[in-house]
Amino acid sequence: MKNSNGKKALTPKEAAFIYGIPEGTLANLRYHRKGPSFHRVGRKILYLVTDFEEWITRHPVLTIDSGRL
């Protein structure tokens, strides 16, 4: 699965831009071992698009109008 720009992996900066989650928030999630799975290649952090999107869909905020309550 590729995202809209055809990449299979994203840097934190790219993920922040595409998904609207600040880089600092992603860094805090990594530090606390929460958030999407990531891979470390040397000093570089990469998120697989599939892992990132799976993490987003696993954490919905249910509202009264969503019909799931």
PDB file of N, CA and C in Angstrom:
ATOM      1  N   MET A   1       0.841  -1.179   0.000  1.00  0.00           N
ATOM      2  CA  MET A   1       0.000   0.000   0.000  1.00  0.00           C
ATOM      3  C   MET A   1       0.885   1.240   0.000  1.00  0.00           C
ATOM      4  N   LYS A   2       0.615   2.140  -0.888  1.00  0.00           N
ATOM      5  CA  LYS A   2       1.379   3.370  -0.963  1.00  0.00           C
ATOM      6  C   LYS A   2       0.459   4.545  -0.657  1.00  0.00           C
ATOM      7  N   ASN A   3       1.035   5.598  -0.061  1.00  0.00           N
ATOM      8  CA  ASN A   3       0.210   6.779   0.191  1.00  0.00           C
ATOM      9  C   ASN A   3       0.099   7.599  -1.078  1.00  0.00           C
ATOM     10  N   SER A   4      -0.501   8.768  -0.976  1.00  0.00           N
ATOM     11  CA  SER A   4      -0.796   9.567  -2.164  1.00  0.00           C
ATOM     12  C   SER A   4       0.448   9.982  -2.942  1.00  0.00           C
ATOM     13  N   ASN A   5       1.605  10.077  -2.282  1.00  0.00           N
ATOM     14  CA  ASN A   5       2.806  10.452  -3.028  1.00  0.00           C
ATOM     15  C   ASN A   5       3.623   9.228  -3.454  1.00  0.00           C
ATOM     16  N   GLY A   6       3.069   8.022  -3.307  1.00  0.00           N
ATOM     17  CA  GLY A   6       3.699   6.811  -3.809  1.00  0.00           C
ATOM     18  C   GLY A   6       4.765   6.204  -2.919  1.00  0.00           C
ATOM     19  N   LYS A   7       4.942   6.700  -1.696  1.00  0.00           N
ATOM     20  CA  LYS A   7       5.974   6.158  -0.812  1.00  0.00           C
ATOM     21  C   LYS A   7       5.413   5.039   0.052  1.00  0.00           C
ATOM     22  N   LYS A   8       6.281   4.117   0.421  1.00  0.00           N
ATOM     23  CA  LYS A   8       5.898   3.039   1.328  1.00  0.00           C
ATOM     24  C   LYS A   8       6.305   3.357   2.760  1.00  0.00           C
ATOM     25  N   ALA A   9       7.265   4.270   2.942  1.00  0.00           N
ATOM     26  CA  ALA A   9       7.740   4.655   4.271  1.00  0.00           C
ATOM     27  C   ALA A   9       7.854   6.175   4.325  1.00  0.00           C
ATOM     28  N   LEU A  10       7.653   6.703   5.536  1.00  0.00           N
ATOM     29  CA  LEU A  10       7.679   8.146   5.737  1.00  0.00           C
ATOM     30  C   LEU A  10       8.612   8.513   6.871  1.00  0.00           C
ATOM     31  N   THR A  11       9.269   9.646   6.744  1.00  0.00           N
ATOM     32  CA  THR A  11      10.022  10.211   7.858  1.00  0.00           C
ATOM     33  C   THR A  11       9.016  10.874   8.793  1.00  0.00           C
ATOM     34  N   PRO A  12       9.397  11.177  10.031  1.00  0.00           N
ATOM     35  CA  PRO A  12       8.475  11.885  10.919  1.00  0.00           C
ATOM     36  C   PRO A  12       8.001  13.227  10.330  1.00  0.00           C
ATOM     37  N   LYS A  13       8.880  13.925   9.630  1.00  0.00           N
ATOM     38  CA  LYS A  13       8.508  15.206   9.027  1.00  0.00           C
ATOM     39  C   LYS A  13       7.428  15.009   7.965  1.00  0.00           C
ATOM     40  N   GLU A  14       7.587  13.987   7.127  1.00  0.00           N
ATOM     41  CA  GLU A  14       6.594  13.689   6.087  1.00  0.00           C
ATOM     42  C   GLU A  14       5.272  13.246   6.709  1.00  0.00           C
ATOM     43  N   ALA A  15       5.355  12.394   7.735  1.00  0.00           N
ATOM     44  CA  ALA A  15       4.138  11.922   8.406  1.00  0.00           C
ATOM     45  C   ALA A  15       3.396  13.094   9.052  1.00  0.00           C
ATOM     46  N   ALA A  16       4.139  14.000   9.665  1.00  0.00           N
ATOM     47  CA  ALA A  16       3.523  15.176  10.289  1.00  0.00           C
ATOM     48  C   ALA A  16       2.807  16.022   9.249  1.00  0.00           C
ATOM     49  N   PHE A  17       3.423  16.215   8.112  1.00  0.00           N
ATOM     50  CA  PHE A  17       2.820  17.028   7.054  1.00  0.00           C
ATOM     51  C   PHE A  17       1.574  16.363   6.479  1.00  0.00           C
ATOM     52  N   ILE A  18       1.656  15.077   6.191  1.00  0.00           N
ATOM     53  CA  ILE A  18       0.549  14.371   5.544  1.00  0.00           C
ATOM     54  C   ILE A  18      -0.632  14.166   6.491  1.00  0.00           C
ATOM     55  N   TYR A  19      -0.352  13.772   7.732  1.00  0.00           N
ATOM     56  CA  TYR A  19      -1.428  13.409   8.651  1.00  0.00           C
ATOM     57  C   TYR A  19      -1.783  14.500   9.656  1.00  0.00           C
ATOM     58  N   GLY A  20      -1.025  15.585   9.678  1.00  0.00           N
ATOM     59  CA  GLY A  20      -1.350  16.699  10.567  1.00  0.00           C
ATOM     60  C   GLY A  20      -1.032  16.451  12.026  1.00  0.00           C
ATOM     61  N   ILE A  21      -0.106  15.547  12.295  1.00  0.00           N
ATOM     62  CA  ILE A  21       0.320  15.273  13.668  1.00  0.00           C
ATOM     63  C   ILE A  21       1.698  15.898  13.840  1.00  0.00           C
ATOM     64  N   PRO A  22       1.862  16.814  14.798  1.00  0.00           N
ATOM     65  CA  PRO A  22       3.158  17.499  14.950  1.00  0.00           C
ATOM     66  C   PRO A  22       4.316  16.521  15.173  1.00  0.00           C
ATOM     67  N   GLU A  23       5.482  16.889  14.638  1.00  0.00           N
ATOM     68  CA  GLU A  23       6.683  16.048  14.799  1.00  0.00           C
ATOM     69  C   GLU A  23       6.998  15.817  16.267  1.00  0.00           C
ATOM     70  N   GLY A  24       6.791  16.836  17.104  1.00  0.00           N
ATOM     71  CA  GLY A  24       7.054  16.700  18.538  1.00  0.00           C
ATOM     72  C   GLY A  24       6.156  15.661  19.180  1.00  0.00           C
ATOM     73  N   THR A  25       4.912  15.607  18.743  1.00  0.00           N
ATOM     74  CA  THR A  25       3.980  14.603  19.259  1.00  0.00           C
ATOM     75  C   THR A  25       4.441  13.206  18.855  1.00  0.00           C
ATOM     76  N   LEU A  26       4.872  13.055  17.606  1.00  0.00           N
ATOM     77  CA  LEU A  26       5.379  11.757  17.157  1.00  0.00           C
ATOM     78  C   LEU A  26       6.619  11.353  17.960  1.00  0.00           C
ATOM     79  N   ALA A  27       7.498  12.318  18.246  1.00  0.00           N
ATOM     80  CA  ALA A  27       8.702  12.035  19.041  1.00  0.00           C
ATOM     81  C   ALA A  27       8.317  11.590  20.450  1.00  0.00           C
ATOM     82  N   ASN A  28       7.338  12.263  21.056  1.00  0.00           N
ATOM     83  CA  ASN A  28       6.888  11.874  22.396  1.00  0.00           C
ATOM     84  C   ASN A  28       6.257  10.487  22.390  1.00  0.00           C
ATOM     85  N   LEU A  29       5.479  10.190  21.373  1.00  0.00           N
ATOM     86  CA  LEU A  29       4.884   8.856  21.274  1.00  0.00           C
ATOM     87  C   LEU A  29       5.961   7.784  21.154  1.00  0.00           C
ATOM     88  N   ARG A  30       7.003   8.059  20.353  1.00  0.00           N
ATOM     89  CA  ARG A  30       8.109   7.085  20.235  1.00  0.00           C
ATOM     90  C   ARG A  30       8.809   6.901  21.568  1.00  0.00           C
ATOM     91  N   TYR A  31       9.077   7.994  22.272  1.00  0.00           N
ATOM     92  CA  TYR A  31       9.776   7.940  23.557  1.00  0.00           C
ATOM     93  C   TYR A  31       9.004   7.084  24.571  1.00  0.00           C
ATOM     94  N   HIS A  32       7.681   7.239  24.585  1.00  0.00           N
ATOM     95  CA  HIS A  32       6.840   6.506  25.531  1.00  0.00           C
ATOM     96  C   HIS A  32       6.410   5.141  25.000  1.00  0.00           C
ATOM     97  N   ARG A  33       6.949   4.763  23.825  1.00  0.00           N
ATOM     98  CA  ARG A  33       6.639   3.474  23.192  1.00  0.00           C
ATOM     99  C   ARG A  33       5.144   3.329  22.925  1.00  0.00           C
ATOM    100  N   LYS A  34       4.526   4.423  22.513  1.00  0.00           N
ATOM    101  CA  LYS A  34       3.125   4.441  22.108  1.00  0.00           C
ATOM    102  C   LYS A  34       3.095   4.886  20.662  1.00  0.00           C
ATOM    103  N   GLY A  35       1.917   4.926  20.093  1.00  0.00           N
ATOM    104  CA  GLY A  35       1.805   5.416  18.719  1.00  0.00           C
ATOM    105  C   GLY A  35       2.107   4.341  17.696  1.00  0.00           C
ATOM    106  N   PRO A  36       2.293   4.772  16.453  1.00  0.00           N
ATOM    107  CA  PRO A  36       2.518   3.808  15.374  1.00  0.00           C
ATOM    108  C   PRO A  36       3.890   3.143  15.482  1.00  0.00           C
ATOM    109  N   SER A  37       3.967   1.927  14.952  1.00  0.00           N
ATOM    110  CA  SER A  37       5.257   1.232  14.889  1.00  0.00           C
ATOM    111  C   SER A  37       6.206   2.034  14.014  1.00  0.00           C
ATOM    112  N   PHE A  38       7.488   1.998  14.372  1.00  0.00           N
ATOM    113  CA  PHE A  38       8.482   2.709  13.577  1.00  0.00           C
ATOM    114  C   PHE A  38       9.730   1.856  13.457  1.00  0.00           C
ATOM    115  N   HIS A  39      10.553   2.219  12.515  1.00  0.00           N
ATOM    116  CA  HIS A  39      11.808   1.512  12.277  1.00  0.00           C
ATOM    117  C   HIS A  39      12.946   2.518  12.362  1.00  0.00           C
ATOM    118  N   ARG A  40      14.043   2.084  12.959  1.00  0.00           N
ATOM    119  CA  ARG A  40      15.216   2.928  13.071  1.00  0.00           C
ATOM    120  C   ARG A  40      16.278   2.373  12.128  1.00  0.00           C
ATOM    121  N   VAL A  41      16.719   3.207  11.202  1.00  0.00           N
ATOM    122  CA  VAL A  41      17.778   2.837  10.266  1.00  0.00           C
ATOM    123  C   VAL A  41      18.930   3.800  10.550  1.00  0.00           C
ATOM    124  N   GLY A  42      19.889   3.315  11.318  1.00  0.00           N
ATOM    125  CA  GLY A  42      20.926   4.227  11.793  1.00  0.00           C
ATOM    126  C   GLY A  42      20.279   5.228  12.733  1.00  0.00           C
ATOM    127  N   ARG A  43      20.386   6.498  12.408  1.00  0.00           N
ATOM    128  CA  ARG A  43      19.734   7.538  13.206  1.00  0.00           C
ATOM    129  C   ARG A  43      18.392   7.963  12.624  1.00  0.00           C
ATOM    130  N   LYS A  44      18.054   7.422  11.478  1.00  0.00           N
ATOM    131  CA  LYS A  44      16.835   7.815  10.779  1.00  0.00           C
ATOM    132  C   LYS A  44      15.643   7.009  11.284  1.00  0.00           C
ATOM    133  N   ILE A  45      14.523   7.690  11.477  1.00  0.00           N
ATOM    134  CA  ILE A  45      13.274   7.061  11.891  1.00  0.00           C
ATOM    135  C   ILE A  45      12.374   6.976  10.666  1.00  0.00           C
ATOM    136  N   LEU A  46      11.767   5.816  10.459  1.00  0.00           N
ATOM    137  CA  LEU A  46      10.836   5.628   9.345  1.00  0.00           C
ATOM    138  C   LEU A  46       9.560   4.968   9.840  1.00  0.00           C
ATOM    139  N   TYR A  47       8.448   5.434   9.323  1.00  0.00           N
ATOM    140  CA  TYR A  47       7.143   4.823   9.571  1.00  0.00           C
ATOM    141  C   TYR A  47       6.687   4.181   8.278  1.00  0.00           C
ATOM    142  N   LEU A  48       6.295   2.915   8.332  1.00  0.00           N
ATOM    143  CA  LEU A  48       5.672   2.313   7.172  1.00  0.00           C
ATOM    144  C   LEU A  48       4.269   2.889   7.055  1.00  0.00           C
ATOM    145  N   VAL A  49       3.871   3.249   5.865  1.00  0.00           N
ATOM    146  CA  VAL A  49       2.552   3.854   5.645  1.00  0.00           C
ATOM    147  C   VAL A  49       1.457   2.926   6.163  1.00  0.00           C
ATOM    148  N   THR A  50       1.588   1.637   5.907  1.00  0.00           N
ATOM    149  CA  THR A  50       0.561   0.691   6.355  1.00  0.00           C
ATOM    150  C   THR A  50       0.448   0.676   7.880  1.00  0.00           C
ATOM    151  N   ASP A  51       1.577   0.695   8.591  1.00  0.00           N
ATOM    152  CA  ASP A  51       1.567   0.708  10.056  1.00  0.00           C
ATOM    153  C   ASP A  51       0.936   1.999  10.583  1.00  0.00           C
ATOM    154  N   PHE A  52       1.300   3.124   9.968  1.00  0.00           N
ATOM    155  CA  PHE A  52       0.794   4.416  10.417  1.00  0.00           C
ATOM    156  C   PHE A  52      -0.716   4.493  10.234  1.00  0.00           C
ATOM    157  N   GLU A  53      -1.197   4.093   9.072  1.00  0.00           N
ATOM    158  CA  GLU A  53      -2.638   4.167   8.806  1.00  0.00           C
ATOM    159  C   GLU A  53      -3.419   3.160   9.641  1.00  0.00           C
ATOM    160  N   GLU A  54      -2.825   2.006   9.909  1.00  0.00           N
ATOM    161  CA  GLU A  54      -3.470   1.025  10.783  1.00  0.00           C
ATOM    162  C   GLU A  54      -3.615   1.590  12.187  1.00  0.00           C
ATOM    163  N   TRP A  55      -2.571   2.254  12.690  1.00  0.00           N
ATOM    164  CA  TRP A  55      -2.607   2.860  14.020  1.00  0.00           C
ATOM    165  C   TRP A  55      -3.711   3.915  14.099  1.00  0.00           C
ATOM    166  N   ILE A  56      -3.845   4.726  13.067  1.00  0.00           N
ATOM    167  CA  ILE A  56      -4.880   5.759  13.054  1.00  0.00           C
ATOM    168  C   ILE A  56      -6.265   5.127  13.101  1.00  0.00           C
ATOM    169  N   THR A  57      -6.488   4.095  12.320  1.00  0.00           N
ATOM    170  CA  THR A  57      -7.828   3.492  12.265  1.00  0.00           C
ATOM    171  C   THR A  57      -8.159   2.672  13.517  1.00  0.00           C
ATOM    172  N   ARG A  58      -7.155   2.253  14.273  1.00  0.00           N
ATOM    173  CA  ARG A  58      -7.410   1.506  15.507  1.00  0.00           C
ATOM    174  C   ARG A  58      -7.848   2.396  16.654  1.00  0.00           C
ATOM    175  N   HIS A  59      -7.701   3.714  16.518  1.00  0.00           N
ATOM    176  CA  HIS A  59      -7.993   4.620  17.626  1.00  0.00           C
ATOM    177  C   HIS A  59      -9.046   5.667  17.250  1.00  0.00           C
ATOM    178  N   PRO A  60     -10.255   5.223  16.904  1.00  0.00           N
ATOM    179  CA  PRO A  60     -11.288   6.213  16.579  1.00  0.00           C
ATOM    180  C   PRO A  60     -11.855   6.841  17.856  1.00  0.00           C
ATOM    181  N   VAL A  61     -12.358   8.021  17.721  1.00  0.00           N
ATOM    182  CA  VAL A  61     -13.101   8.661  18.804  1.00  0.00           C
ATOM    183  C   VAL A  61     -14.564   8.504  18.463  1.00  0.00           C
ATOM    184  N   LEU A  62     -15.257   7.733  19.260  1.00  0.00           N
ATOM    185  CA  LEU A  62     -16.661   7.461  18.998  1.00  0.00           C
ATOM    186  C   LEU A  62     -17.520   8.611  19.522  1.00  0.00           C
ATOM    187  N   THR A  63     -18.442   9.049  18.721  1.00  0.00           N
ATOM    188  CA  THR A  63     -19.362  10.107  19.103  1.00  0.00           C
ATOM    189  C   THR A  63     -20.781   9.548  19.131  1.00  0.00           C
ATOM    190  N   ILE A  64     -21.680  10.316  19.646  1.00  0.00           N
ATOM    191  CA  ILE A  64     -23.083   9.906  19.694  1.00  0.00           C
ATOM    192  C   ILE A  64     -23.597   9.641  18.283  1.00  0.00           C
ATOM    193  N   ASP A  65     -23.208  10.489  17.343  1.00  0.00           N
ATOM    194  CA  ASP A  65     -23.699  10.360  15.969  1.00  0.00           C
ATOM    195  C   ASP A  65     -23.008   9.264  15.160  1.00  0.00           C
ATOM    196  N   SER A  66     -21.958   8.657  15.702  1.00  0.00           N
ATOM    197  CA  SER A  66     -21.261   7.636  14.929  1.00  0.00           C
ATOM    198  C   SER A  66     -22.053   6.333  14.851  1.00  0.00           C
ATOM    199  N   GLY A  67     -23.023   6.164  15.734  1.00  0.00           N
ATOM    200  CA  GLY A  67     -23.878   4.983  15.696  1.00  0.00           C
ATOM    201  C   GLY A  67     -23.258   3.743  16.313  1.00  0.00           C
ATOM    202  N   ARG A  68     -22.067   3.839  16.865  1.00  0.00           N
ATOM    203  CA  ARG A  68     -21.404   2.663  17.452  1.00  0.00           C
ATOM    204  C   ARG A  68     -21.600   2.581  18.962  1.00  0.00           C
ATOM    205  N   LEU A  69     -22.204   3.599  19.557  1.00  0.00           N
ATOM    206  CA  LEU A  69     -22.350   3.593  21.015  1.00  0.00           C
ATOM    207  C   LEU A  69     -23.486   2.732  21.477  1.00  0.00           C
TER     208      LEU A  69
END
